[in-house]
Amino acid sequence: MRWRVHSETELYRDEWLDIRLADVEISGGRHLQHRLIRTQPGAGAVVVDDRQRVLLMWRHRFITDAWGWEIPIGGINPGEDPAAAAAREVEEETGWRPGPLRPLVVTHPTPGISDSQHTIFRADTATYVGPPQEDWESERIEWVPLSEIRGLVDKQDIVSGTTLAALLYVLASG
């Protein structure tokens, strides 16, 4: 059954998110008060080099108090093309400028609570341009062999939904 939204009321809003309360009609004409988060779309990239290594960032997420490997990803600015945003985020967060980007996957990492949409691209080359502009984004940046991704997932060193979806898609695609 498709849920029908009758209304949404803003509970909180700032430049990063918009928290709302929705009056949703579910099966049998029943209503549910459902909280949801609206966010700007994001873009990122899986950057693979000629040695079959992927560019990853080791970072701490304070909300879950966990460390993990992630691909570079960030918000798409108003009017910005998703591919341009992905390239910008890779360079700002890692100091590597990705080569030509091609679409890889679109994911909605938390559709039960948020409308967040991430458009992920793939680049098969990158050029080092200097230290990351955003040095607070990660503890370290490394080229990790694709052959190690499965083991990192098993060890829970990769738990970010978007990173998981993108890397596992790359592995499944061969």
Protein backbone atom coordinates (compact mmCIF):
# COMPACT_ATOMS: atom_id res chain seq x y z
CA MET A 1 0.00 0.00 0.00
CA ARG A 2 1.16 3.48 -0.79
CA TRP A 3 1.14 5.79 2.22
CA ARG A 4 -0.64 9.09 1.62
CA VAL A 5 0.77 12.28 3.12
CA HIS A 6 -1.95 14.70 4.22
CA SER A 7 0.32 17.39 5.66
CA GLU A 8 3.78 18.21 6.91
CA THR A 9 4.60 20.60 9.75
CA GLU A 10 8.07 22.07 10.17
CA LEU A 11 9.56 21.24 13.58
CA TYR A 12 13.08 22.62 13.01
CA ARG A 13 15.04 24.00 10.09
CA ASP A 14 18.57 25.26 9.45
CA GLU A 15 21.00 25.28 6.54
CA TRP A 16 21.68 21.53 6.90
CA LEU A 17 18.34 19.91 7.58
CA ASP A 18 14.64 20.32 7.82
CA ILE A 19 12.88 18.18 10.44
CA ARG A 20 9.16 17.69 9.89
CA LEU A 21 6.12 15.96 11.32
CA ALA A 22 3.94 14.35 8.66
CA ASP A 23 0.33 13.27 8.97
CA VAL A 24 0.41 10.02 6.98
CA GLU A 25 -2.53 7.82 6.09
CA ILE A 26 -1.61 4.12 6.21
CA SER A 27 -3.73 1.02 5.56
CA GLY A 28 -7.36 0.95 6.64
CA GLY A 29 -7.62 4.74 6.74
CA ARG A 30 -5.50 4.90 9.89
CA HIS A 31 -3.22 7.89 10.45
CA LEU A 32 0.35 7.94 11.65
CA GLN A 33 2.35 10.94 12.89
CA HIS A 34 5.74 10.32 11.28
CA ARG A 35 8.88 12.39 11.75
CA LEU A 36 11.10 12.91 8.73
CA ILE A 37 14.26 14.72 7.80
CA ARG A 38 14.64 16.61 4.54
CA THR A 39 18.19 17.32 3.37
CA GLN A 40 19.99 18.71 0.36
CA PRO A 41 21.15 16.03 -2.09
CA GLY A 42 24.73 14.81 -1.95
CA ALA A 43 27.31 13.62 -4.44
CA GLY A 44 30.52 11.68 -4.14
CA ALA A 45 32.83 9.37 -6.00
CA VAL A 46 34.56 6.04 -5.92
CA VAL A 47 38.02 6.79 -7.28
CA VAL A 48 39.98 3.75 -8.45
CA ASP A 49 43.56 3.84 -9.68
CA ASP A 50 45.35 1.64 -12.23
CA ARG A 51 46.51 -0.68 -9.41
CA GLN A 52 42.88 -1.45 -8.47
CA ARG A 53 43.01 0.59 -5.28
CA VAL A 54 40.22 2.86 -4.09
CA LEU A 55 40.70 6.28 -2.50
CA LEU A 56 39.22 6.21 1.03
CA MET A 57 39.14 8.44 4.08
CA TRP A 58 39.51 7.06 7.63
CA ARG A 59 37.21 9.18 9.73
CA HIS A 60 35.43 9.37 13.05
CA ARG A 61 31.68 9.87 13.18
CA PHE A 62 30.81 11.40 16.53
CA ILE A 63 27.11 10.53 16.31
CA THR A 64 27.82 6.79 16.38
CA ASP A 65 31.24 7.25 18.04
CA ALA A 66 32.74 4.99 15.39
CA TRP A 67 35.72 5.04 13.06
CA GLY A 68 35.44 3.83 9.49
CA TRP A 69 36.54 4.09 5.89
CA GLU A 70 34.38 6.25 3.62
CA ILE A 71 34.41 7.53 0.08
CA PRO A 72 34.47 11.33 -0.30
CA ILE A 73 30.94 12.74 -0.45
CA GLY A 74 29.21 16.00 0.39
CA GLY A 75 26.37 18.32 -0.41
CA ILE A 76 25.43 19.55 -3.85
CA ASN A 77 25.24 23.35 -3.84
CA PRO A 78 22.14 25.00 -5.34
CA GLY A 79 22.50 25.06 -9.13
CA GLU A 80 25.57 22.79 -9.04
CA ASP A 81 25.79 19.77 -11.31
CA PRO A 82 26.08 16.51 -9.27
CA ALA A 83 29.25 15.45 -11.13
CA ALA A 84 30.86 18.83 -10.45
CA ALA A 85 29.90 18.52 -6.78
CA ALA A 86 31.39 15.03 -6.59
CA ALA A 87 34.66 16.21 -8.17
CA ARG A 88 34.79 19.21 -5.82
CA GLU A 89 34.18 17.05 -2.76
CA VAL A 90 36.88 14.54 -3.73
CA GLU A 91 39.43 17.29 -4.16
CA GLU A 92 38.45 19.27 -1.04
CA GLU A 93 38.38 16.21 1.22
CA THR A 94 41.34 14.23 -0.13
CA GLY A 95 43.64 16.52 -2.13
CA TRP A 96 43.18 14.32 -5.21
CA ARG A 97 41.48 15.65 -8.36
CA PRO A 98 39.48 12.84 -9.95
CA GLY A 99 39.70 12.09 -13.65
CA PRO A 100 36.58 11.86 -15.80
CA LEU A 101 33.55 10.86 -13.76
CA ARG A 102 30.84 8.51 -14.90
CA PRO A 103 27.61 7.70 -13.07
CA LEU A 104 27.83 4.71 -10.76
CA VAL A 105 24.82 4.50 -8.43
CA VAL A 106 22.13 6.60 -6.76
CA THR A 107 21.22 5.69 -3.21
CA HIS A 108 18.71 6.81 -0.59
CA PRO A 109 20.65 5.64 2.49
CA THR A 110 17.89 6.10 5.09
CA PRO A 111 14.51 6.19 3.30
CA GLY A 112 12.53 5.32 6.42
CA ILE A 113 13.41 8.65 8.06
CA SER A 114 15.03 10.90 5.43
CA ASP A 115 14.73 11.98 1.79
CA SER A 116 18.52 12.07 1.54
CA GLN A 117 19.71 11.16 -1.96
CA HIS A 118 23.34 10.50 -2.86
CA THR A 119 24.51 10.41 -6.48
CA ILE A 120 27.77 8.52 -6.71
CA PHE A 121 30.19 8.58 -9.62
CA ARG A 122 33.27 6.57 -10.52
CA ALA A 123 36.64 7.85 -11.67
CA ASP A 124 39.44 5.59 -12.83
CA THR A 125 42.22 8.14 -12.43
CA ALA A 126 43.17 10.95 -10.09
CA THR A 127 45.92 13.52 -9.81
CA TYR A 128 47.36 14.65 -6.50
CA VAL A 129 47.00 18.44 -6.19
CA GLY A 130 48.01 18.97 -2.57
CA PRO A 131 46.79 18.52 0.98
CA PRO A 132 43.04 18.38 1.53
CA GLN A 133 41.35 21.76 1.89
CA GLU A 134 39.18 20.30 4.62
CA ASP A 135 41.77 18.74 6.91
CA TRP A 136 39.15 18.12 9.59
CA GLU A 137 37.23 15.62 7.43
CA SER A 138 39.45 12.60 8.10
CA GLU A 139 42.30 11.24 10.17
CA ARG A 140 44.04 9.87 7.08
CA ILE A 141 43.54 9.28 3.36
CA GLU A 142 44.72 6.08 1.73
CA TRP A 143 44.56 4.07 -1.45
CA VAL A 144 43.07 0.76 -0.30
CA PRO A 145 43.17 -2.34 -2.56
CA LEU A 146 39.71 -3.27 -3.81
CA SER A 147 40.57 -6.86 -2.87
CA GLU A 148 40.53 -5.79 0.82
CA ILE A 149 37.06 -4.17 0.77
CA ARG A 150 35.15 -7.34 1.68
CA GLY A 151 37.40 -7.92 4.72
CA LEU A 152 36.96 -4.31 5.83
CA VAL A 153 33.19 -4.69 5.60
CA ASP A 154 33.36 -7.94 7.59
CA LYS A 155 35.45 -6.18 10.30
CA GLN A 156 32.92 -3.30 10.33
CA ASP A 157 35.62 -0.87 9.22
CA ILE A 158 33.22 0.15 6.45
CA VAL A 159 29.70 0.82 7.78
CA SER A 160 28.55 4.02 6.05
CA GLY A 161 25.49 3.12 3.98
CA THR A 162 26.48 5.12 0.92
CA THR A 163 30.08 3.90 1.00
CA LEU A 164 28.89 0.31 1.38
CA ALA A 165 26.45 0.60 -1.51
CA ALA A 166 28.99 2.23 -3.82
CA LEU A 167 31.93 -0.06 -3.06
CA LEU A 168 29.89 -3.25 -3.13
CA TYR A 169 28.39 -2.12 -6.45
CA VAL A 170 31.93 -1.65 -7.83
CA LEU A 171 32.92 -5.11 -6.60
CA ALA A 172 29.76 -6.72 -8.02
CA SER A 173 30.35 -5.02 -11.38
CA GLY A 174 33.82 -6.54 -11.66
